Amino acid sequence: MPPQLSLREKWGYGVADLGAALSYNAINFFLLFFLIEVVGLRPALAGLVLLSARLIDAVTDPLMGMITDRTRSRWGRRKPYIWAGAVPFGITFALLWTVPDASQATMFIFAALAVALHVVVFTIVQVPYMALTPELAPEYSERTALTSYRVGFSTLASLLAAAAPPLLVALLNSGQGLPQDARYGWVGMGLIFGALMTLAYLVMAATVRERRTLQVPFGALNLWQEYRSAFAVFGYPQVLLLFMVVTIGLGIVSSILPFYLVSAIRLSPGEQTGILGLLFGVAILALPAWNILSARAGKKAAFTAGLLILSLGLLLLVTLSPPGYLSPLLLLFTILAGLGVATVLLFPWAMLPDVVEFDELNTGQRREGLLYAIFTFGQKLAFALGAFLNAQMLELVGYQRGAIEQSAQAVLGIQWMIGPVASAAFLVAVLMVWRYPITKAKHEEARAALARRQP
């Protein structure tokens, strides 16, 4: 029986995702906006910047997972990479916000290379970190509880990453222009967030003790064979596809939301911060309630309820919220959407660890690194696809950089993406949730079968 996690370890484990989520959400919420409004890159090129790095992730994410699965050291399989990558992770994030004022081609190349460098370092620290979940919490319900610590910090970071930049950039710019025009302010934001991200990973590495697991020796490293075999794991293709669908929806919402609040609702930076803070503040507060509902009704029922609430909240947000001020309806629908966002952040990551035992049952190996790496790549690709679709839409409807008043066509395009298009993704996910094959009973059977194999 593995030792129980202490409260210190649970908090220490969770805090690392503060670093990952700061990077992930600042990029997803504001990098497209930054490249178009601040740097002046054409929307179509800005979308390609975010999508191009995923070609690298397709190789580096599963490769990193296989490397960390095979690592044997006195410090463990996962933590050495976290120690090594924590500082470069913060530095490369800050670099993202230093795109020079140059030609379209130069700005595109610089931004694409900066994003590529950052996502490689992100892989080095995040894949080993995520692979710790099933090792630290082997039991079905315990994993949801441990994941809630991680998601709690992740959602707190999401709140900070979504709400802080408009005010932070304005403050650092010292009133020298609008926040979206303030290059100096965005560089300062990158440095502050980068430092917090590095600190979060270092704290986790210092407080969490990596568990030793029994290992069957791995064969020679074959990237394609390992990659392909992961999709034969019971339940894995289904949870991966489900996660990608909800993440595309979340990617559409997050990367178009700054444009929506500025162009459709016409809010000030302070008001934008209030709405974004409310969205993720509600998500944080809702996590314990969703955790309790999951324990009583099951992950499928809780996740379904959250997806329906999120879809309804987004549709009401774009159809009934009056522009020009923080209306009670806007606040109400933001709260409704926040309740649903909590489930999208929590349940896919609580469902993923359950496939590890089925993989071990078939292969005799613990391949958390590979399974989490492909999952992480799917997440990054899906978010990039969401942002890419938004960028192409902005190009198509003739979005004008720096214009206070956008055309009716541009506003309508933004509203369609954040409302009907994103909601459609979440409703498709509802059908996928109910077809997911792993239940608590099946997972317990798999664990019992593994226990009978132990000498």
Protein backbone atom coordinates (compact mmCIF):
# COMPACT_ATOMS: atom_id res chain seq x y z
CA MET A 1 0.00 0.00 0.00
CA PRO A 2 1.62 3.32 -1.08
CA PRO A 3 2.02 5.96 1.63
CA GLN A 4 -0.72 8.57 1.87
CA LEU A 5 0.07 12.03 0.60
CA SER A 6 0.52 14.64 3.27
CA LEU A 7 -1.33 17.94 3.04
CA ARG A 8 2.04 19.62 2.44
CA GLU A 9 2.66 17.37 -0.57
CA LYS A 10 -0.83 17.95 -1.97
CA TRP A 11 -0.35 21.71 -1.80
CA GLY A 12 3.19 21.40 -3.08
CA TYR A 13 2.09 19.26 -6.00
CA GLY A 14 -0.70 21.63 -6.90
CA VAL A 15 1.36 24.81 -6.83
CA ALA A 16 3.47 23.81 -9.85
CA ASP A 17 0.46 24.16 -12.10
CA LEU A 18 0.38 27.81 -11.12
CA GLY A 19 3.45 28.11 -13.34
CA ALA A 20 2.07 26.03 -16.19
CA ALA A 21 -1.30 27.76 -16.17
CA LEU A 22 0.20 31.26 -16.05
CA SER A 23 2.06 30.48 -19.25
CA TYR A 24 -0.70 28.52 -20.88
CA ASN A 25 -3.49 31.00 -20.19
CA ALA A 26 -1.54 34.21 -20.73
CA ILE A 27 -0.61 32.86 -24.17
CA ASN A 28 -4.12 31.64 -24.94
CA PHE A 29 -5.84 34.79 -23.74
CA PHE A 30 -3.46 37.50 -24.87
CA LEU A 31 -0.75 36.39 -27.30
CA LEU A 32 -3.07 36.55 -30.32
CA PHE A 33 -4.31 39.96 -29.11
CA PHE A 34 -0.70 41.09 -28.47
CA LEU A 35 0.54 40.02 -31.90
CA ILE A 36 -2.34 41.70 -33.72
CA GLU A 37 -2.97 44.85 -31.65
CA VAL A 38 0.47 45.61 -30.20
CA VAL A 39 2.95 44.13 -32.66
CA GLY A 40 0.82 44.80 -35.74
CA LEU A 41 1.06 41.34 -37.25
CA ARG A 42 -1.67 40.42 -39.70
CA PRO A 43 -4.32 38.18 -38.06
CA ALA A 44 -3.67 35.31 -40.48
CA LEU A 45 0.07 35.35 -39.67
CA ALA A 46 -0.59 35.69 -35.93
CA GLY A 47 -2.75 32.56 -36.07
CA LEU A 48 0.03 30.69 -37.86
CA VAL A 49 2.50 31.65 -35.11
CA LEU A 50 0.40 29.85 -32.52
CA LEU A 51 -0.25 26.84 -34.73
CA SER A 52 3.30 26.37 -36.09
CA ALA A 53 4.84 25.43 -32.74
CA ARG A 54 2.53 22.41 -32.51
CA LEU A 55 4.52 20.71 -35.27
CA ILE A 56 7.43 20.65 -32.82
CA ASP A 57 5.20 19.46 -29.98
CA ALA A 58 4.07 16.50 -32.07
CA VAL A 59 7.61 15.13 -31.72
CA THR A 60 8.90 16.58 -28.45
CA ASP A 61 5.89 15.82 -26.23
CA PRO A 62 5.75 12.02 -26.74
CA LEU A 63 9.55 11.87 -26.92
CA MET A 64 9.84 13.61 -23.55
CA GLY A 65 7.26 11.24 -22.11
CA MET A 66 9.24 8.20 -23.23
CA ILE A 67 12.50 9.67 -21.96
CA THR A 68 11.11 10.38 -18.50
CA ASP A 69 9.48 6.91 -18.34
CA ARG A 70 12.90 5.36 -18.96
CA THR A 71 14.89 7.61 -16.63
CA ARG A 72 16.52 5.97 -13.63
CA SER A 73 18.28 8.22 -11.12
CA ARG A 74 18.67 8.66 -7.39
CA TRP A 75 16.38 11.72 -7.66
CA GLY A 76 13.59 9.84 -9.46
CA ARG A 77 12.21 9.64 -12.98
CA ARG A 78 10.45 13.00 -13.19
CA LYS A 79 11.92 15.63 -10.88
CA PRO A 80 15.40 16.00 -12.44
CA TYR A 81 13.81 17.50 -15.56
CA ILE A 82 11.68 19.86 -13.50
CA TRP A 83 14.75 21.12 -11.64
CA ALA A 84 16.61 21.60 -14.91
CA GLY A 85 13.83 23.36 -16.81
CA ALA A 86 12.27 25.65 -14.20
CA VAL A 87 14.50 28.71 -14.78
CA PRO A 88 14.60 28.48 -18.63
CA PHE A 89 10.82 28.15 -18.57
CA GLY A 90 10.37 31.60 -17.02
CA ILE A 91 13.02 33.19 -19.25
CA THR A 92 11.55 31.91 -22.50
CA PHE A 93 8.09 33.09 -21.47
CA ALA A 94 9.37 36.63 -21.00
CA LEU A 95 10.94 36.44 -24.46
CA LEU A 96 7.51 35.99 -26.08
CA TRP A 97 6.58 39.58 -25.33
CA THR A 98 9.69 41.19 -26.88
CA VAL A 99 8.78 40.93 -30.59
CA PRO A 100 10.59 43.84 -32.34
CA ASP A 101 8.92 46.53 -34.43
CA ALA A 102 9.97 45.36 -37.89
CA SER A 103 8.62 43.99 -41.18
CA GLN A 104 5.79 41.47 -41.21
CA ALA A 105 8.21 38.69 -42.17
CA THR A 106 10.73 39.55 -39.41
CA MET A 107 8.06 39.83 -36.74
CA PHE A 108 6.51 36.54 -37.82
CA ILE A 109 9.83 34.68 -37.74
CA PHE A 110 10.84 36.14 -34.36
CA ALA A 111 7.46 35.37 -32.80
CA ALA A 112 7.36 31.84 -34.25
CA LEU A 113 10.88 31.04 -32.99
CA ALA A 114 10.15 32.49 -29.53
CA VAL A 115 6.97 30.43 -29.21
CA ALA A 116 8.75 27.30 -30.44
CA LEU A 117 11.54 27.73 -27.87
CA HIS A 118 9.08 28.26 -25.05
CA VAL A 119 6.91 25.26 -25.90
CA VAL A 120 9.97 22.98 -25.93
CA VAL A 121 10.91 24.08 -22.40
CA PHE A 122 7.25 23.81 -21.38
CA THR A 123 7.38 20.17 -22.48
CA ILE A 124 10.54 19.51 -20.47
CA VAL A 125 8.95 20.61 -17.18
CA GLN A 126 5.25 19.88 -17.65
CA VAL A 127 5.26 16.36 -19.05
CA PRO A 128 7.23 14.90 -16.08
CA TYR A 129 5.13 16.92 -13.66
CA MET A 130 1.81 15.70 -15.02
CA ALA A 131 3.07 12.10 -15.10
CA LEU A 132 3.43 12.22 -11.31
CA THR A 133 -0.37 12.19 -10.78
CA PRO A 134 -1.07 8.43 -11.01
CA GLU A 135 2.13 7.65 -9.10
CA LEU A 136 1.20 9.92 -6.20
CA ALA A 137 -2.49 8.94 -6.14
CA PRO A 138 -3.14 5.36 -7.31
CA GLU A 139 -6.81 5.16 -6.21
CA TYR A 140 -9.73 6.24 -8.49
CA SER A 141 -11.38 8.82 -6.20
CA GLU A 142 -8.10 9.95 -4.66
CA ARG A 143 -6.97 11.08 -8.10
CA THR A 144 -9.93 13.41 -8.46
CA ALA A 145 -9.14 14.89 -5.05
CA LEU A 146 -5.43 15.37 -5.88
CA THR A 147 -6.31 16.77 -9.29
CA SER A 148 -8.58 19.30 -7.60
CA TYR A 149 -5.53 20.73 -5.79
CA ARG A 150 -3.72 21.10 -9.08
CA VAL A 151 -6.76 22.49 -10.85
CA GLY A 152 -7.36 24.91 -7.96
CA PHE A 153 -3.92 26.45 -8.45
CA SER A 154 -4.35 26.22 -12.20
CA THR A 155 -7.64 28.10 -12.06
CA LEU A 156 -6.14 30.70 -9.72
CA ALA A 157 -3.37 31.19 -12.27
CA SER A 158 -5.96 31.33 -15.03
CA LEU A 159 -7.70 34.12 -13.13
CA LEU A 160 -4.40 35.97 -12.74
CA ALA A 161 -3.36 35.38 -16.36
CA ALA A 162 -6.74 36.50 -17.71
CA ALA A 163 -7.48 39.41 -15.39
CA ALA A 164 -4.11 40.96 -14.49
CA PRO A 165 -2.45 41.82 -17.84
CA PRO A 166 -4.75 44.73 -18.90
CA LEU A 167 -4.24 46.56 -15.59
CA LEU A 168 -0.63 45.45 -15.17
CA VAL A 169 0.33 46.65 -18.64
CA ALA A 170 -1.42 49.98 -18.08
CA LEU A 171 0.37 50.42 -14.74
CA LEU A 172 3.80 49.55 -16.12
CA ASN A 173 3.20 51.82 -19.09
CA SER A 174 2.80 54.79 -16.70
CA GLY A 175 -0.06 56.28 -18.67
CA GLN A 176 1.91 56.56 -21.92
CA GLY A 177 -0.87 55.11 -24.05
CA LEU A 178 -3.54 52.48 -24.22
CA PRO A 179 -2.54 49.09 -22.73
CA GLN A 180 -2.75 47.40 -26.11
CA ASP A 181 -0.22 49.91 -27.50
CA ALA A 182 2.25 49.66 -24.62
CA ARG A 183 5.17 47.41 -25.59
CA TYR A 184 7.09 48.23 -22.41
CA GLY A 185 4.16 47.19 -20.25
CA TRP A 186 3.85 43.83 -22.00
CA VAL A 187 7.57 43.14 -21.54
CA GLY A 188 7.22 43.91 -17.84
CA MET A 189 4.24 41.59 -17.56
CA GLY A 190 6.31 38.83 -19.21
CA LEU A 191 9.15 39.26 -16.70
CA ILE A 192 6.83 39.24 -13.67
CA PHE A 193 4.87 36.22 -14.83
CA GLY A 194 8.07 34.41 -15.85
CA ALA A 195 9.52 34.80 -12.36
CA LEU A 196 6.32 33.45 -10.76
CA MET A 197 6.30 30.48 -13.12
CA THR A 198 9.88 29.51 -12.28
CA LEU A 199 9.22 29.82 -8.54
CA ALA A 200 6.12 27.59 -8.74
CA TYR A 201 8.02 24.66 -10.27
CA LEU A 202 10.92 25.02 -7.85
CA VAL A 203 8.55 24.93 -4.86
CA MET A 204 6.93 21.73 -6.14
CA ALA A 205 10.27 20.04 -6.77
CA ALA A 206 11.39 20.92 -3.23
CA THR A 207 8.26 19.74 -1.41
CA VAL A 208 7.00 16.61 -3.21
CA ARG A 209 8.73 13.26 -2.75
CA GLU A 210 8.64 11.13 -5.86
CA ARG A 211 7.34 7.58 -5.29
CA ARG A 212 9.25 4.53 -6.46
CA THR A 213 7.30 2.20 -8.75
CA LEU A 214 8.03 -1.36 -9.84
CA GLN A 215 9.29 -1.33 -13.39
CA VAL A 216 9.52 -3.85 -16.20
CA PRO A 217 12.59 -3.00 -18.32
CA PHE A 218 11.76 -1.03 -21.45
CA GLY A 219 12.90 -2.10 -24.89
CA ALA A 220 14.70 0.07 -27.42
CA LEU A 221 13.18 3.50 -27.93
CA ASN A 222 10.90 3.46 -30.99
CA LEU A 223 8.98 6.73 -31.21
CA TRP A 224 6.38 5.66 -33.76
CA GLN A 225 5.71 2.26 -32.20
CA GLU A 226 5.32 3.73 -28.72
CA TYR A 227 3.14 6.54 -30.02
CA ARG A 228 0.88 4.12 -31.88
CA SER A 229 0.63 1.66 -28.98
CA ALA A 230 -0.74 4.37 -26.69
CA PHE A 231 -3.88 4.54 -28.78
CA ALA A 232 -4.54 0.86 -28.13
CA VAL A 233 -4.91 1.49 -24.37
CA PHE A 234 -8.47 0.92 -23.15
CA GLY A 235 -10.26 4.27 -22.85
CA TYR A 236 -7.31 6.40 -23.94
CA PRO A 237 -8.42 7.42 -27.47
CA GLN A 238 -11.85 8.35 -26.14
CA VAL A 239 -10.63 10.56 -23.30
CA LEU A 240 -8.02 12.18 -25.55
CA LEU A 241 -10.57 13.05 -28.23
CA LEU A 242 -13.02 14.29 -25.60
CA PHE A 243 -10.33 16.49 -24.09
CA MET A 244 -9.38 17.94 -27.47
CA VAL A 245 -12.99 18.81 -28.31
CA VAL A 246 -13.59 20.69 -25.04
CA THR A 247 -10.17 22.35 -25.33
CA ILE A 248 -10.91 23.61 -28.85
CA GLY A 249 -14.06 25.17 -27.40
CA LEU A 250 -12.14 26.66 -24.49
CA GLY A 251 -9.40 27.86 -26.85
CA ILE A 252 -11.96 29.67 -29.00
CA VAL A 253 -13.50 31.35 -25.96
CA SER A 254 -10.26 32.38 -24.28
CA SER A 255 -8.44 33.78 -27.31
CA ILE A 256 -11.45 35.75 -28.64
CA LEU A 257 -12.65 36.99 -25.24
CA PRO A 258 -10.31 40.05 -25.10
CA PHE A 259 -11.56 41.08 -28.56
CA TYR A 260 -15.17 40.53 -27.46
CA LEU A 261 -14.83 42.63 -24.32
CA VAL A 262 -13.13 45.47 -26.22
CA SER A 263 -15.02 45.48 -29.53
CA ALA A 264 -18.48 44.06 -28.77
CA ILE A 265 -19.06 45.06 -25.13
CA ARG A 266 -16.62 48.03 -25.22
CA LEU A 267 -15.30 47.74 -21.66
CA SER A 268 -12.38 49.62 -20.15
CA PRO A 269 -9.22 47.73 -18.99
CA GLY A 270 -10.48 47.81 -15.41
CA GLU A 271 -13.87 46.45 -16.39
CA GLN A 272 -12.24 43.74 -18.50
CA THR A 273 -10.20 42.71 -15.48
CA GLY A 274 -13.39 42.52 -13.43
CA ILE A 275 -15.18 40.25 -15.89
CA LEU A 276 -12.21 37.94 -16.44
CA GLY A 277 -11.56 37.81 -12.71
CA LEU A 278 -15.20 36.96 -12.04
CA LEU A 279 -15.15 34.15 -14.63
CA PHE A 280 -12.21 32.34 -13.08
CA GLY A 281 -12.98 33.34 -9.51
CA VAL A 282 -16.31 31.53 -9.81
CA ALA A 283 -14.52 28.55 -11.36
CA ILE A 284 -12.16 28.34 -8.36
CA LEU A 285 -14.98 28.55 -5.84
CA ALA A 286 -17.00 25.94 -7.73
CA LEU A 287 -14.28 23.26 -7.73
CA PRO A 288 -15.10 21.78 -4.27
CA ALA A 289 -18.78 21.55 -5.18
CA TRP A 290 -18.03 19.74 -8.45
CA ASN A 291 -15.67 17.43 -6.58
CA ILE A 292 -18.46 16.53 -4.11
CA LEU A 293 -20.99 16.03 -6.91
CA SER A 294 -18.51 13.79 -8.75
CA ALA A 295 -18.02 11.60 -5.66
CA ARG A 296 -21.78 11.17 -5.30
CA ALA A 297 -23.07 11.07 -8.87
CA GLY A 298 -19.95 10.09 -10.80
CA LYS A 299 -17.60 11.93 -13.12
CA LYS A 300 -19.85 11.50 -16.17
CA ALA A 301 -22.91 13.11 -14.60
CA ALA A 302 -20.96 15.99 -13.07
CA PHE A 303 -19.02 16.68 -16.25
CA THR A 304 -22.19 16.62 -18.35
CA ALA A 305 -23.92 19.10 -16.07
CA GLY A 306 -20.94 21.45 -16.26
CA LEU A 307 -20.75 21.33 -20.06
CA LEU A 308 -24.47 22.11 -20.39
CA ILE A 309 -24.17 25.03 -17.97
CA LEU A 310 -21.15 26.40 -19.85
CA SER A 311 -22.90 26.17 -23.23
CA LEU A 312 -25.98 27.93 -21.89
CA GLY A 313 -23.93 30.65 -20.22
CA LEU A 314 -22.00 31.48 -23.42
CA LEU A 315 -25.12 31.60 -25.58
CA LEU A 316 -26.87 33.92 -23.14
CA LEU A 317 -23.71 36.03 -22.80
CA VAL A 318 -23.59 36.95 -26.49
CA THR A 319 -27.33 37.26 -27.11
CA LEU A 320 -28.61 39.16 -24.07
CA SER A 321 -25.67 41.18 -22.66
CA PRO A 322 -26.05 44.88 -23.53
CA PRO A 323 -22.88 46.69 -24.71
CA GLY A 324 -21.14 49.64 -23.11
CA TYR A 325 -21.13 48.82 -19.41
CA LEU A 326 -20.98 46.10 -16.74
CA SER A 327 -24.64 45.13 -16.84
CA PRO A 328 -26.23 42.77 -14.30
CA LEU A 329 -26.96 40.35 -17.16
CA LEU A 330 -23.31 40.32 -18.21
CA LEU A 331 -22.27 39.55 -14.64
CA LEU A 332 -24.93 36.82 -14.27
CA PHE A 333 -23.98 35.04 -17.50
CA THR A 334 -20.29 35.31 -16.65
CA ILE A 335 -20.99 33.56 -13.34
CA LEU A 336 -22.93 30.84 -15.19
CA ALA A 337 -20.05 30.32 -17.63
CA GLY A 338 -17.56 30.22 -14.74
CA LEU A 339 -19.45 27.34 -13.13
CA GLY A 340 -19.07 25.36 -16.34
CA VAL A 341 -15.43 26.31 -16.92
CA ALA A 342 -14.55 24.63 -13.62
CA THR A 343 -15.65 21.23 -14.95
CA VAL A 344 -13.71 21.61 -18.20
CA LEU A 345 -10.58 22.34 -16.18
CA LEU A 346 -11.15 19.52 -13.67
CA PHE A 347 -12.67 16.40 -15.16
CA PRO A 348 -10.55 15.54 -18.21
CA TRP A 349 -7.43 15.57 -16.04
CA ALA A 350 -9.22 13.54 -13.36
CA MET A 351 -10.27 10.96 -15.98
CA LEU A 352 -6.88 10.58 -17.67
CA PRO A 353 -4.96 8.85 -14.82
CA ASP A 354 -7.47 5.99 -14.84
CA VAL A 355 -6.12 4.67 -18.16
CA VAL A 356 -2.64 4.10 -16.67
CA GLU A 357 -3.63 0.86 -14.93
CA PHE A 358 -5.21 -0.51 -18.11
CA ASP A 359 -1.98 0.20 -19.96
CA GLU A 360 0.08 -1.49 -17.25
CA LEU A 361 -2.30 -4.45 -17.29
CA ASN A 362 -1.58 -4.99 -20.99
CA THR A 363 2.13 -4.08 -21.18
CA GLY A 364 3.45 -4.57 -17.65
CA GLN A 365 5.01 -1.10 -17.87
CA ARG A 366 4.29 2.23 -16.21
CA ARG A 367 4.09 4.69 -19.10
CA GLU A 368 2.56 7.72 -17.42
CA GLY A 369 5.07 9.97 -19.16
CA LEU A 370 4.04 8.88 -22.65
CA LEU A 371 0.30 8.95 -21.95
CA TYR A 372 0.45 12.39 -20.33
CA ALA A 373 2.76 13.70 -23.05
CA ILE A 374 0.33 12.84 -25.84
CA PHE A 375 -2.49 14.31 -23.75
CA THR A 376 -0.50 17.51 -23.23
CA PHE A 377 0.23 17.72 -26.95
CA GLY A 378 -3.47 17.26 -27.67
CA GLN A 379 -4.26 20.11 -25.28
CA LYS A 380 -1.75 22.48 -26.87
CA LEU A 381 -2.80 21.55 -30.40
CA ALA A 382 -6.49 22.01 -29.60
CA PHE A 383 -5.94 25.41 -28.01
CA ALA A 384 -3.83 26.48 -30.98
CA LEU A 385 -6.55 25.33 -33.35
CA GLY A 386 -9.09 27.40 -31.44
CA ALA A 387 -6.89 30.50 -31.65
CA PHE A 388 -6.09 29.79 -35.31
CA LEU A 389 -9.81 29.63 -36.18
CA ASN A 390 -10.34 32.96 -34.38
CA ALA A 391 -7.44 34.56 -36.25
CA GLN A 392 -8.73 33.42 -39.64
CA MET A 393 -12.19 34.71 -38.74
CA LEU A 394 -10.77 38.12 -37.80
CA GLU A 395 -8.92 38.26 -41.10
CA LEU A 396 -12.05 37.24 -43.01
CA VAL A 397 -14.37 39.82 -41.42
CA GLY A 398 -11.85 42.65 -41.81
CA TYR A 399 -10.96 43.28 -38.17
CA GLN A 400 -9.14 46.64 -37.93
CA ARG A 401 -6.20 46.91 -35.55
CA GLY A 402 -6.56 49.77 -33.06
CA ALA A 403 -10.06 50.77 -34.18
CA ILE A 404 -12.36 51.71 -31.30
CA GLU A 405 -15.44 50.99 -33.42
CA GLN A 406 -15.31 47.78 -35.45
CA SER A 407 -17.64 47.01 -38.34
CA ALA A 408 -20.92 45.22 -37.67
CA GLN A 409 -19.54 42.25 -39.62
CA ALA A 410 -16.44 42.04 -37.38
CA VAL A 411 -18.49 42.25 -34.18
CA LEU A 412 -20.90 39.59 -35.44
CA GLY A 413 -17.99 37.27 -36.29
CA ILE A 414 -16.56 37.66 -32.77
CA GLN A 415 -19.98 36.99 -31.23
CA TRP A 416 -20.50 33.85 -33.31
CA MET A 417 -17.16 32.38 -32.27
CA ILE A 418 -17.59 32.95 -28.53
CA GLY A 419 -21.25 31.90 -28.58
CA PRO A 420 -22.66 29.32 -31.03
CA VAL A 421 -19.35 27.93 -32.30
CA ALA A 422 -17.78 27.35 -28.87
CA SER A 423 -21.07 26.07 -27.43
CA ALA A 424 -21.37 23.54 -30.25
CA ALA A 425 -18.01 22.06 -29.24
CA PHE A 426 -19.14 21.66 -25.63
CA LEU A 427 -22.43 20.04 -26.66
CA VAL A 428 -20.60 17.53 -28.85
CA ALA A 429 -18.46 16.76 -25.80
CA VAL A 430 -21.60 15.89 -23.80
CA LEU A 431 -22.29 12.99 -26.16
CA MET A 432 -18.68 11.85 -25.88
CA VAL A 433 -18.75 11.88 -22.07
CA TRP A 434 -21.61 9.37 -21.98
CA ARG A 435 -19.80 7.04 -24.36
CA TYR A 436 -16.63 7.00 -22.25
CA PRO A 437 -15.97 3.34 -21.31
CA ILE A 438 -14.04 3.58 -18.00
CA THR A 439 -16.13 3.52 -14.84
CA LYS A 440 -15.12 3.33 -11.20
CA ALA A 441 -16.03 -0.38 -11.11
CA LYS A 442 -13.92 -1.21 -14.17
CA HIS A 443 -10.98 0.76 -12.79
CA GLU A 444 -11.16 -1.11 -9.49
CA GLU A 445 -11.16 -4.41 -11.39
CA ALA A 446 -8.01 -3.36 -13.23
CA ARG A 447 -6.27 -2.41 -9.98
CA ALA A 448 -7.28 -5.72 -8.40
CA ALA A 449 -5.87 -7.62 -11.38
CA LEU A 450 -2.58 -5.73 -11.05
CA ALA A 451 -2.46 -6.43 -7.32
CA ARG A 452 -2.76 -10.17 -7.97
CA ARG A 453 0.34 -9.98 -10.15
CA GLN A 454 2.48 -8.56 -7.37
CA PRO A 455 4.90 -11.09 -5.83
